[in-house]
């Protein structure tokens, strides 16, 4: 990349560990899908999916090595998305 930026090359071991975590979380997702958690089915599924998305963003998309402006713009977008999803769930829950 030269003088304009720095390379962030992750080791194969770290990438393999992240891949292993993603595969384990996928197996946990499948396992939890067979369990009736009642009201908590959706929050648990969203939590597992969010954890997997966070791992992909941090390590495979190198968000972990970006500057604070990129990180804050991403965090604000996620907060906005969470608010919109909450309003959608709220609207569906209180329909007549």
PDB file of N, CA and C in Angstrom:
ATOM      1  N   UNK A   1       0.806  -1.183   0.000  1.00  0.00           N
ATOM      2  CA  UNK A   1       0.000   0.000   0.000  1.00  0.00           C
ATOM      3  C   UNK A   1       0.850   1.248   0.000  1.00  0.00           C
ATOM      4  N   UNK A   2       2.062   1.125   0.434  1.00  0.00           N
ATOM      5  CA  UNK A   2       2.956   2.269   0.374  1.00  0.00           C
ATOM      6  C   UNK A   2       2.774   3.224   1.523  1.00  0.00           C
ATOM      7  N   UNK A   3       2.970   4.511   1.218  1.00  0.00           N
ATOM      8  CA  UNK A   3       2.945   5.521   2.268  1.00  0.00           C
ATOM      9  C   UNK A   3       1.550   6.014   2.611  1.00  0.00           C
ATOM     10  N   UNK A   4       0.525   5.605   1.865  1.00  0.00           N
ATOM     11  CA  UNK A   4      -0.823   6.123   2.080  1.00  0.00           C
ATOM     12  C   UNK A   4      -1.603   5.369   3.149  1.00  0.00           C
ATOM     13  N   UNK A   5      -1.146   4.216   3.562  1.00  0.00           N
ATOM     14  CA  UNK A   5      -1.888   3.440   4.552  1.00  0.00           C
ATOM     15  C   UNK A   5      -1.028   2.310   5.075  1.00  0.00           C
ATOM     16  N   UNK A   6      -1.600   1.559   5.951  1.00  0.00           N
ATOM     17  CA  UNK A   6      -0.881   0.423   6.507  1.00  0.00           C
ATOM     18  C   UNK A   6      -1.634  -0.853   6.193  1.00  0.00           C
ATOM     19  N   UNK A   7      -0.880  -1.912   6.047  1.00  0.00           N
ATOM     20  CA  UNK A   7      -1.485  -3.220   5.826  1.00  0.00           C
ATOM     21  C   UNK A   7      -1.791  -3.863   7.163  1.00  0.00           C
ATOM     22  N   UNK A   8      -2.911  -4.511   7.235  1.00  0.00           N
ATOM     23  CA  UNK A   8      -3.265  -5.264   8.427  1.00  0.00           C
ATOM     24  C   UNK A   8      -3.472  -6.702   7.991  1.00  0.00           C
ATOM     25  N   UNK A   9      -2.418  -7.425   7.957  1.00  0.00           N
ATOM     26  CA  UNK A   9      -2.489  -8.810   7.519  1.00  0.00           C
ATOM     27  C   UNK A   9      -2.687  -9.680   8.746  1.00  0.00           C
ATOM     28  N   UNK A  10      -3.784 -10.390   8.773  1.00  0.00           N
ATOM     29  CA  UNK A  10      -4.074 -11.285   9.877  1.00  0.00           C
ATOM     30  C   UNK A  10      -3.438 -12.636   9.606  1.00  0.00           C
ATOM     31  N   UNK A  11      -2.996 -13.275  10.653  1.00  0.00           N
ATOM     32  CA  UNK A  11      -2.400 -14.598  10.497  1.00  0.00           C
ATOM     33  C   UNK A  11      -3.483 -15.610  10.149  1.00  0.00           C
ATOM     34  N   UNK A  12      -3.036 -16.693   9.530  1.00  0.00           N
ATOM     35  CA  UNK A  12      -3.982 -17.751   9.181  1.00  0.00           C
ATOM     36  C   UNK A  12      -4.580 -18.375  10.436  1.00  0.00           C
ATOM     37  N   UNK A  13      -3.814 -18.405  11.506  1.00  0.00           N
ATOM     38  CA  UNK A  13      -4.332 -18.951  12.764  1.00  0.00           C
ATOM     39  C   UNK A  13      -5.487 -18.138  13.305  1.00  0.00           C
ATOM     40  N   UNK A  14      -5.352 -16.806  13.264  1.00  0.00           N
ATOM     41  CA  UNK A  14      -6.428 -15.937  13.755  1.00  0.00           C
ATOM     42  C   UNK A  14      -7.660 -16.045  12.861  1.00  0.00           C
ATOM     43  N   UNK A  15      -7.439 -16.092  11.546  1.00  0.00           N
ATOM     44  CA  UNK A  15      -8.573 -16.245  10.630  1.00  0.00           C
ATOM     45  C   UNK A  15      -9.258 -17.587  10.826  1.00  0.00           C
ATOM     46  N   UNK A  16      -8.465 -18.630  11.057  1.00  0.00           N
ATOM     47  CA  UNK A  16      -9.046 -19.956  11.295  1.00  0.00           C
ATOM     48  C   UNK A  16      -9.824 -19.968  12.606  1.00  0.00           C
ATOM     49  N   UNK A  17      -9.331 -19.263  13.633  1.00  0.00           N
ATOM     50  CA  UNK A  17     -10.042 -19.198  14.906  1.00  0.00           C
ATOM     51  C   UNK A  17     -11.381 -18.477  14.744  1.00  0.00           C
ATOM     52  N   UNK A  18     -11.389 -17.393  13.986  1.00  0.00           N
ATOM     53  CA  UNK A  18     -12.639 -16.663  13.745  1.00  0.00           C
ATOM     54  C   UNK A  18     -13.600 -17.545  12.939  1.00  0.00           C
ATOM     55  N   UNK A  19     -13.078 -18.237  11.937  1.00  0.00           N
ATOM     56  CA  UNK A  19     -13.915 -19.155  11.163  1.00  0.00           C
ATOM     57  C   UNK A  19     -14.478 -20.246  12.060  1.00  0.00           C
ATOM     58  N   UNK A  20     -13.659 -20.780  12.954  1.00  0.00           N
ATOM     59  CA  UNK A  20     -14.135 -21.797  13.890  1.00  0.00           C
ATOM     60  C   UNK A  20     -15.251 -21.261  14.782  1.00  0.00           C
ATOM     61  N   UNK A  21     -15.086 -20.034  15.259  1.00  0.00           N
ATOM     62  CA  UNK A  21     -16.141 -19.407  16.076  1.00  0.00           C
ATOM     63  C   UNK A  21     -17.429 -19.242  15.281  1.00  0.00           C
ATOM     64  N   UNK A  22     -17.300 -18.839  14.026  1.00  0.00           N
ATOM     65  CA  UNK A  22     -18.492 -18.680  13.190  1.00  0.00           C
ATOM     66  C   UNK A  22     -19.192 -20.015  12.961  1.00  0.00           C
ATOM     67  N   UNK A  23     -18.415 -21.068  12.758  1.00  0.00           N
ATOM     68  CA  UNK A  23     -19.018 -22.388  12.561  1.00  0.00           C
ATOM     69  C   UNK A  23     -19.684 -22.888  13.838  1.00  0.00           C
ATOM     70  N   UNK A  24     -19.052 -22.656  14.975  1.00  0.00           N
ATOM     71  CA  UNK A  24     -19.657 -23.053  16.251  1.00  0.00           C
ATOM     72  C   UNK A  24     -20.952 -22.278  16.489  1.00  0.00           C
ATOM     73  N   UNK A  25     -20.928 -20.988  16.206  1.00  0.00           N
ATOM     74  CA  UNK A  25     -22.148 -20.192  16.382  1.00  0.00           C
ATOM     75  C   UNK A  25     -23.251 -20.631  15.416  1.00  0.00           C
ATOM     76  N   UNK A  26     -22.868 -21.083  14.234  1.00  0.00           N
ATOM     77  CA  UNK A  26     -23.869 -21.623  13.306  1.00  0.00           C
ATOM     78  C   UNK A  26     -24.489 -22.888  13.872  1.00  0.00           C
ATOM     79  N   UNK A  27     -23.655 -23.755  14.453  1.00  0.00           N
ATOM     80  CA  UNK A  27     -24.182 -24.968  15.088  1.00  0.00           C
ATOM     81  C   UNK A  27     -25.071 -24.620  16.284  1.00  0.00           C
ATOM     82  N   UNK A  28     -24.703 -23.595  17.040  1.00  0.00           N
ATOM     83  CA  UNK A  28     -25.536 -23.145  18.166  1.00  0.00           C
ATOM     84  C   UNK A  28     -26.869 -22.622  17.646  1.00  0.00           C
ATOM     85  N   UNK A  29     -26.850 -21.919  16.527  1.00  0.00           N
ATOM     86  CA  UNK A  29     -28.092 -21.424  15.924  1.00  0.00           C
ATOM     87  C   UNK A  29     -29.012 -22.585  15.554  1.00  0.00           C
ATOM     88  N   UNK A  30     -28.435 -23.610  14.947  1.00  0.00           N
ATOM     89  CA  UNK A  30     -29.237 -24.780  14.565  1.00  0.00           C
ATOM     90  C   UNK A  30     -29.769 -25.480  15.802  1.00  0.00           C
ATOM     91  N   UNK A  31     -28.925 -25.633  16.814  1.00  0.00           N
ATOM     92  CA  UNK A  31     -29.332 -26.309  18.047  1.00  0.00           C
ATOM     93  C   UNK A  31     -30.449 -25.548  18.746  1.00  0.00           C
ATOM     94  N   UNK A  32     -30.319 -24.230  18.838  1.00  0.00           N
ATOM     95  CA  UNK A  32     -31.328 -23.417  19.525  1.00  0.00           C
ATOM     96  C   UNK A  32     -32.646 -23.409  18.752  1.00  0.00           C
ATOM     97  N   UNK A  33     -32.596 -23.599  17.441  1.00  0.00           N
ATOM     98  CA  UNK A  33     -33.830 -23.579  16.657  1.00  0.00           C
ATOM     99  C   UNK A  33     -34.755 -24.750  17.010  1.00  0.00           C
ATOM    100  N   UNK A  34     -34.205 -25.810  17.592  1.00  0.00           N
ATOM    101  CA  UNK A  34     -35.025 -26.951  17.987  1.00  0.00           C
ATOM    102  C   UNK A  34     -35.562 -26.825  19.404  1.00  0.00           C
ATOM    103  N   UNK A  35     -35.183 -25.789  20.114  1.00  0.00           N
ATOM    104  CA  UNK A  35     -35.623 -25.582  21.487  1.00  0.00           C
ATOM    105  C   UNK A  35     -36.704 -24.505  21.498  1.00  0.00           C
ATOM    106  N   UNK A  36     -37.808 -24.795  22.210  1.00  0.00           N
ATOM    107  CA  UNK A  36     -38.880 -23.806  22.314  1.00  0.00           C
ATOM    108  C   UNK A  36     -38.576 -22.888  23.492  1.00  0.00           C
ATOM    109  N   UNK A  37     -38.172 -21.664  23.175  1.00  0.00           N
ATOM    110  CA  UNK A  37     -37.851 -20.681  24.196  1.00  0.00           C
ATOM    111  C   UNK A  37     -38.994 -19.690  24.417  1.00  0.00           C
ATOM    112  N   UNK A  38     -40.087 -19.919  23.733  1.00  0.00           N
ATOM    113  CA  UNK A  38     -41.242 -19.028  23.870  1.00  0.00           C
ATOM    114  C   UNK A  38     -40.931 -17.646  23.320  1.00  0.00           C
ATOM    115  N   UNK A  39     -41.098 -16.653  24.163  1.00  0.00           N
ATOM    116  CA  UNK A  39     -40.876 -15.263  23.769  1.00  0.00           C
ATOM    117  C   UNK A  39     -39.428 -14.997  23.374  1.00  0.00           C
ATOM    118  N   UNK A  40     -38.509 -15.766  23.917  1.00  0.00           N
ATOM    119  CA  UNK A  40     -37.088 -15.487  23.730  1.00  0.00           C
ATOM    120  C   UNK A  40     -36.501 -16.092  22.457  1.00  0.00           C
ATOM    121  N   UNK A  41     -37.299 -16.739  21.624  1.00  0.00           N
ATOM    122  CA  UNK A  41     -36.780 -17.297  20.368  1.00  0.00           C
ATOM    123  C   UNK A  41     -36.148 -16.225  19.480  1.00  0.00           C
ATOM    124  N   UNK A  42     -36.873 -15.141  19.273  1.00  0.00           N
ATOM    125  CA  UNK A  42     -36.378 -14.079  18.395  1.00  0.00           C
ATOM    126  C   UNK A  42     -35.183 -13.344  19.003  1.00  0.00           C
ATOM    127  N   UNK A  43     -35.213 -12.935  20.276  1.00  0.00           N
ATOM    128  CA  UNK A  43     -34.030 -12.257  20.823  1.00  0.00           C
ATOM    129  C   UNK A  43     -32.771 -13.124  20.817  1.00  0.00           C
ATOM    130  N   UNK A  44     -32.904 -14.409  21.084  1.00  0.00           N
ATOM    131  CA  UNK A  44     -31.731 -15.294  21.064  1.00  0.00           C
ATOM    132  C   UNK A  44     -31.198 -15.411  19.645  1.00  0.00           C
ATOM    133  N   UNK A  45     -32.091 -15.583  18.670  1.00  0.00           N
ATOM    134  CA  UNK A  45     -31.651 -15.680  17.275  1.00  0.00           C
ATOM    135  C   UNK A  45     -30.975 -14.395  16.811  1.00  0.00           C
ATOM    136  N   UNK A  46     -31.533 -13.249  17.187  1.00  0.00           N
ATOM    137  CA  UNK A  46     -30.931 -11.961  16.819  1.00  0.00           C
ATOM    138  C   UNK A  46     -29.587 -11.787  17.516  1.00  0.00           C
ATOM    139  N   UNK A  47     -29.489 -12.219  18.751  1.00  0.00           N
ATOM    140  CA  UNK A  47     -28.218 -12.120  19.477  1.00  0.00           C
ATOM    141  C   UNK A  47     -27.115 -12.945  18.847  1.00  0.00           C
ATOM    142  N   UNK A  48     -27.434 -14.176  18.470  1.00  0.00           N
ATOM    143  CA  UNK A  48     -26.433 -15.032  17.818  1.00  0.00           C
ATOM    144  C   UNK A  48     -26.049 -14.454  16.460  1.00  0.00           C
ATOM    145  N   UNK A  49     -27.025 -14.011  15.693  1.00  0.00           N
ATOM    146  CA  UNK A  49     -26.736 -13.431  14.376  1.00  0.00           C
ATOM    147  C   UNK A  49     -25.907 -12.155  14.507  1.00  0.00           C
ATOM    148  N   UNK A  50     -26.195 -11.354  15.514  1.00  0.00           N
ATOM    149  CA  UNK A  50     -25.419 -10.129  15.728  1.00  0.00           C
ATOM    150  C   UNK A  50     -23.982 -10.438  16.110  1.00  0.00           C
ATOM    151  N   UNK A  51     -23.787 -11.464  16.911  1.00  0.00           N
ATOM    152  CA  UNK A  51     -22.433 -11.872  17.274  1.00  0.00           C
ATOM    153  C   UNK A  51     -21.656 -12.335  16.057  1.00  0.00           C
ATOM    154  N   UNK A  52     -22.299 -13.119  15.207  1.00  0.00           N
ATOM    155  CA  UNK A  52     -21.630 -13.580  13.986  1.00  0.00           C
ATOM    156  C   UNK A  52     -21.320 -12.414  13.055  1.00  0.00           C
ATOM    157  N   UNK A  53     -22.253 -11.496  12.909  1.00  0.00           N
ATOM    158  CA  UNK A  53     -22.019 -10.329  12.054  1.00  0.00           C
ATOM    159  C   UNK A  53     -20.889  -9.464  12.591  1.00  0.00           C
ATOM    160  N   UNK A  54     -20.813  -9.343  13.919  1.00  0.00           N
ATOM    161  CA  UNK A  54     -19.737  -8.560  14.527  1.00  0.00           C
ATOM    162  C   UNK A  54     -18.378  -9.189  14.242  1.00  0.00           C
ATOM    163  N   UNK A  55     -18.281 -10.500  14.357  1.00  0.00           N
ATOM    164  CA  UNK A  55     -17.014 -11.182  14.050  1.00  0.00           C
ATOM    165  C   UNK A  55     -16.608 -10.964  12.598  1.00  0.00           C
ATOM    166  N   UNK A  56     -17.565 -11.080  11.685  1.00  0.00           N
ATOM    167  CA  UNK A  56     -17.256 -10.876  10.268  1.00  0.00           C
ATOM    168  C   UNK A  56     -16.798  -9.437  10.030  1.00  0.00           C
ATOM    169  N   UNK A  57     -17.500  -8.478  10.607  1.00  0.00           N
ATOM    170  CA  UNK A  57     -17.137  -7.073  10.410  1.00  0.00           C
ATOM    171  C   UNK A  57     -15.762  -6.749  10.997  1.00  0.00           C
ATOM    172  N   UNK A  58     -15.486  -7.239  12.186  1.00  0.00           N
ATOM    173  CA  UNK A  58     -14.227  -6.902  12.843  1.00  0.00           C
ATOM    174  C   UNK A  58     -13.020  -7.526  12.150  1.00  0.00           C
ATOM    175  N   UNK A  59     -13.121  -8.791  11.787  1.00  0.00           N
ATOM    176  CA  UNK A  59     -11.932  -9.481  11.318  1.00  0.00           C
ATOM    177  C   UNK A  59     -11.857  -9.625   9.805  1.00  0.00           C
ATOM    178  N   UNK A  60     -12.949  -9.998   9.146  1.00  0.00           N
ATOM    179  CA  UNK A  60     -12.889 -10.202   7.700  1.00  0.00           C
ATOM    180  C   UNK A  60     -13.035  -8.894   6.925  1.00  0.00           C
ATOM    181  N   UNK A  61     -13.719  -7.916   7.503  1.00  0.00           N
ATOM    182  CA  UNK A  61     -13.863  -6.625   6.839  1.00  0.00           C
ATOM    183  C   UNK A  61     -12.949  -5.572   7.460  1.00  0.00           C
ATOM    184  N   UNK A  62     -12.099  -5.979   8.398  1.00  0.00           N
ATOM    185  CA  UNK A  62     -11.041  -5.158   8.996  1.00  0.00           C
ATOM    186  C   UNK A  62     -11.552  -3.897   9.687  1.00  0.00           C
ATOM    187  N   UNK A  63     -12.755  -3.932  10.205  1.00  0.00           N
ATOM    188  CA  UNK A  63     -13.277  -2.767  10.923  1.00  0.00           C
ATOM    189  C   UNK A  63     -12.504  -2.533  12.219  1.00  0.00           C
ATOM    190  N   UNK A  64     -11.911  -3.583  12.733  1.00  0.00           N
ATOM    191  CA  UNK A  64     -11.126  -3.473  13.961  1.00  0.00           C
ATOM    192  C   UNK A  64      -9.927  -2.542  13.793  1.00  0.00           C
ATOM    193  N   UNK A  65      -9.439  -2.406  12.578  1.00  0.00           N
ATOM    194  CA  UNK A  65      -8.233  -1.625  12.315  1.00  0.00           C
ATOM    195  C   UNK A  65      -8.505  -0.267  11.681  1.00  0.00           C
ATOM    196  N   UNK A  66      -9.768   0.130  11.612  1.00  0.00           N
ATOM    197  CA  UNK A  66     -10.124   1.416  11.008  1.00  0.00           C
ATOM    198  C   UNK A  66     -10.049   2.537  12.044  1.00  0.00           C
ATOM    199  N   UNK A  67     -10.145   3.742  11.545  1.00  0.00           N
ATOM    200  CA  UNK A  67     -10.107   4.913  12.418  1.00  0.00           C
ATOM    201  C   UNK A  67     -11.425   5.137  13.130  1.00  0.00           C
ATOM    202  N   UNK A  68     -11.430   6.068  14.061  1.00  0.00           N
ATOM    203  CA  UNK A  68     -12.638   6.299  14.868  1.00  0.00           C
ATOM    204  C   UNK A  68     -13.828   6.835  14.073  1.00  0.00           C
ATOM    205  N   UNK A  69     -13.583   7.572  13.007  1.00  0.00           N
ATOM    206  CA  UNK A  69     -14.703   8.116  12.224  1.00  0.00           C
ATOM    207  C   UNK A  69     -15.488   6.987  11.564  1.00  0.00           C
ATOM    208  N   UNK A  70     -14.800   6.025  10.987  1.00  0.00           N
ATOM    209  CA  UNK A  70     -15.467   4.886  10.351  1.00  0.00           C
ATOM    210  C   UNK A  70     -16.221   4.071  11.398  1.00  0.00           C
ATOM    211  N   UNK A  71     -15.587   3.857  12.529  1.00  0.00           N
ATOM    212  CA  UNK A  71     -16.215   3.052  13.575  1.00  0.00           C
ATOM    213  C   UNK A  71     -17.462   3.749  14.109  1.00  0.00           C
ATOM    214  N   UNK A  72     -17.384   5.047  14.367  1.00  0.00           N
ATOM    215  CA  UNK A  72     -18.551   5.767  14.886  1.00  0.00           C
ATOM    216  C   UNK A  72     -19.673   5.854  13.857  1.00  0.00           C
ATOM    217  N   UNK A  73     -19.334   5.979  12.589  1.00  0.00           N
ATOM    218  CA  UNK A  73     -20.388   5.995  11.572  1.00  0.00           C
ATOM    219  C   UNK A  73     -21.080   4.638  11.495  1.00  0.00           C
ATOM    220  N   UNK A  74     -20.314   3.565  11.644  1.00  0.00           N
ATOM    221  CA  UNK A  74     -20.924   2.234  11.651  1.00  0.00           C
ATOM    222  C   UNK A  74     -21.801   2.041  12.884  1.00  0.00           C
ATOM    223  N   UNK A  75     -21.296   2.430  14.048  1.00  0.00           N
ATOM    224  CA  UNK A  75     -22.062   2.266  15.288  1.00  0.00           C
ATOM    225  C   UNK A  75     -23.355   3.083  15.231  1.00  0.00           C
ATOM    226  N   UNK A  76     -23.289   4.295  14.705  1.00  0.00           N
ATOM    227  CA  UNK A  76     -24.506   5.103  14.613  1.00  0.00           C
ATOM    228  C   UNK A  76     -25.508   4.482  13.638  1.00  0.00           C
ATOM    229  N   UNK A  77     -25.036   3.883  12.561  1.00  0.00           N
ATOM    230  CA  UNK A  77     -25.945   3.206  11.634  1.00  0.00           C
ATOM    231  C   UNK A  77     -26.609   2.002  12.296  1.00  0.00           C
ATOM    232  N   UNK A  78     -25.860   1.267  13.093  1.00  0.00           N
ATOM    233  CA  UNK A  78     -26.421   0.109  13.794  1.00  0.00           C
ATOM    234  C   UNK A  78     -27.452   0.559  14.827  1.00  0.00           C
ATOM    235  N   UNK A  79     -27.168   1.627  15.532  1.00  0.00           N
ATOM    236  CA  UNK A  79     -28.133   2.148  16.516  1.00  0.00           C
ATOM    237  C   UNK A  79     -29.411   2.595  15.820  1.00  0.00           C
ATOM    238  N   UNK A  80     -29.270   3.293  14.700  1.00  0.00           N
ATOM    239  CA  UNK A  80     -30.445   3.718  13.939  1.00  0.00           C
ATOM    240  C   UNK A  80     -31.248   2.511  13.462  1.00  0.00           C
ATOM    241  N   UNK A  81     -30.559   1.480  12.975  1.00  0.00           N
ATOM    242  CA  UNK A  81     -31.242   0.259  12.534  1.00  0.00           C
ATOM    243  C   UNK A  81     -31.965  -0.407  13.698  1.00  0.00           C
ATOM    244  N   UNK A  82     -31.336  -0.454  14.856  1.00  0.00           N
ATOM    245  CA  UNK A  82     -31.970  -1.056  16.032  1.00  0.00           C
ATOM    246  C   UNK A  82     -33.228  -0.288  16.431  1.00  0.00           C
ATOM    247  N   UNK A  83     -33.176   1.023  16.345  1.00  0.00           N
ATOM    248  CA  UNK A  83     -34.359   1.831  16.654  1.00  0.00           C
ATOM    249  C   UNK A  83     -35.485   1.536  15.673  1.00  0.00           C
ATOM    250  N   UNK A  84     -35.165   1.452  14.395  1.00  0.00           N
ATOM    251  CA  UNK A  84     -36.190   1.172  13.391  1.00  0.00           C
ATOM    252  C   UNK A  84     -36.794  -0.217  13.565  1.00  0.00           C
ATOM    253  N   UNK A  85     -35.962  -1.205  13.884  1.00  0.00           N
ATOM    254  CA  UNK A  85     -36.478  -2.561  14.115  1.00  0.00           C
ATOM    255  C   UNK A  85     -37.354  -2.581  15.364  1.00  0.00           C
ATOM    256  N   UNK A  86     -36.939  -1.852  16.393  1.00  0.00           N
ATOM    257  CA  UNK A  86     -37.748  -1.774  17.611  1.00  0.00           C
ATOM    258  C   UNK A  86     -39.106  -1.153  17.329  1.00  0.00           C
ATOM    259  N   UNK A  87     -39.141  -0.089  16.544  1.00  0.00           N
ATOM    260  CA  UNK A  87     -40.425   0.523  16.187  1.00  0.00           C
ATOM    261  C   UNK A  87     -41.289  -0.450  15.385  1.00  0.00           C
ATOM    262  N   UNK A  88     -40.673  -1.233  14.525  1.00  0.00           N
ATOM    263  CA  UNK A  88     -41.435  -2.198  13.742  1.00  0.00           C
ATOM    264  C   UNK A  88     -42.040  -3.270  14.640  1.00  0.00           C
ATOM    265  N   UNK A  89     -41.241  -3.823  15.562  1.00  0.00           N
ATOM    266  CA  UNK A  89     -41.769  -4.811  16.499  1.00  0.00           C
ATOM    267  C   UNK A  89     -42.864  -4.208  17.374  1.00  0.00           C
ATOM    268  N   UNK A  90     -42.657  -2.973  17.790  1.00  0.00           N
ATOM    269  CA  UNK A  90     -43.625  -2.294  18.632  1.00  0.00           C
ATOM    270  C   UNK A  90     -44.951  -2.104  17.883  1.00  0.00           C
ATOM    271  N   UNK A  91     -44.856  -1.718  16.616  1.00  0.00           N
ATOM    272  CA  UNK A  91     -46.059  -1.532  15.806  1.00  0.00           C
ATOM    273  C   UNK A  91     -46.807  -2.840  15.635  1.00  0.00           C
ATOM    274  N   UNK A  92     -46.104  -3.908  15.349  1.00  0.00           N
ATOM    275  CA  UNK A  92     -46.757  -5.206  15.147  1.00  0.00           C
ATOM    276  C   UNK A  92     -47.361  -5.714  16.453  1.00  0.00           C
ATOM    277  N   UNK A  93     -46.682  -5.490  17.571  1.00  0.00           N
ATOM    278  CA  UNK A  93     -47.159  -6.006  18.853  1.00  0.00           C
ATOM    279  C   UNK A  93     -48.451  -5.331  19.309  1.00  0.00           C
ATOM    280  N   UNK A  94     -48.666  -4.071  18.956  1.00  0.00           N
ATOM    281  CA  UNK A  94     -49.833  -3.339  19.467  1.00  0.00           C
ATOM    282  C   UNK A  94     -50.883  -3.070  18.399  1.00  0.00           C
ATOM    283  N   UNK A  95     -50.922  -3.900  17.375  1.00  0.00           N
ATOM    284  CA  UNK A  95     -51.997  -3.773  16.386  1.00  0.00           C
ATOM    285  C   UNK A  95     -53.298  -4.328  16.950  1.00  0.00           C
ATOM    286  N   UNK A  96     -54.387  -3.877  16.422  1.00  0.00           N
ATOM    287  CA  UNK A  96     -55.693  -4.310  16.909  1.00  0.00           C
ATOM    288  C   UNK A  96     -56.042  -5.642  16.341  1.00  0.00           C
TER     289      UNK A  96
END
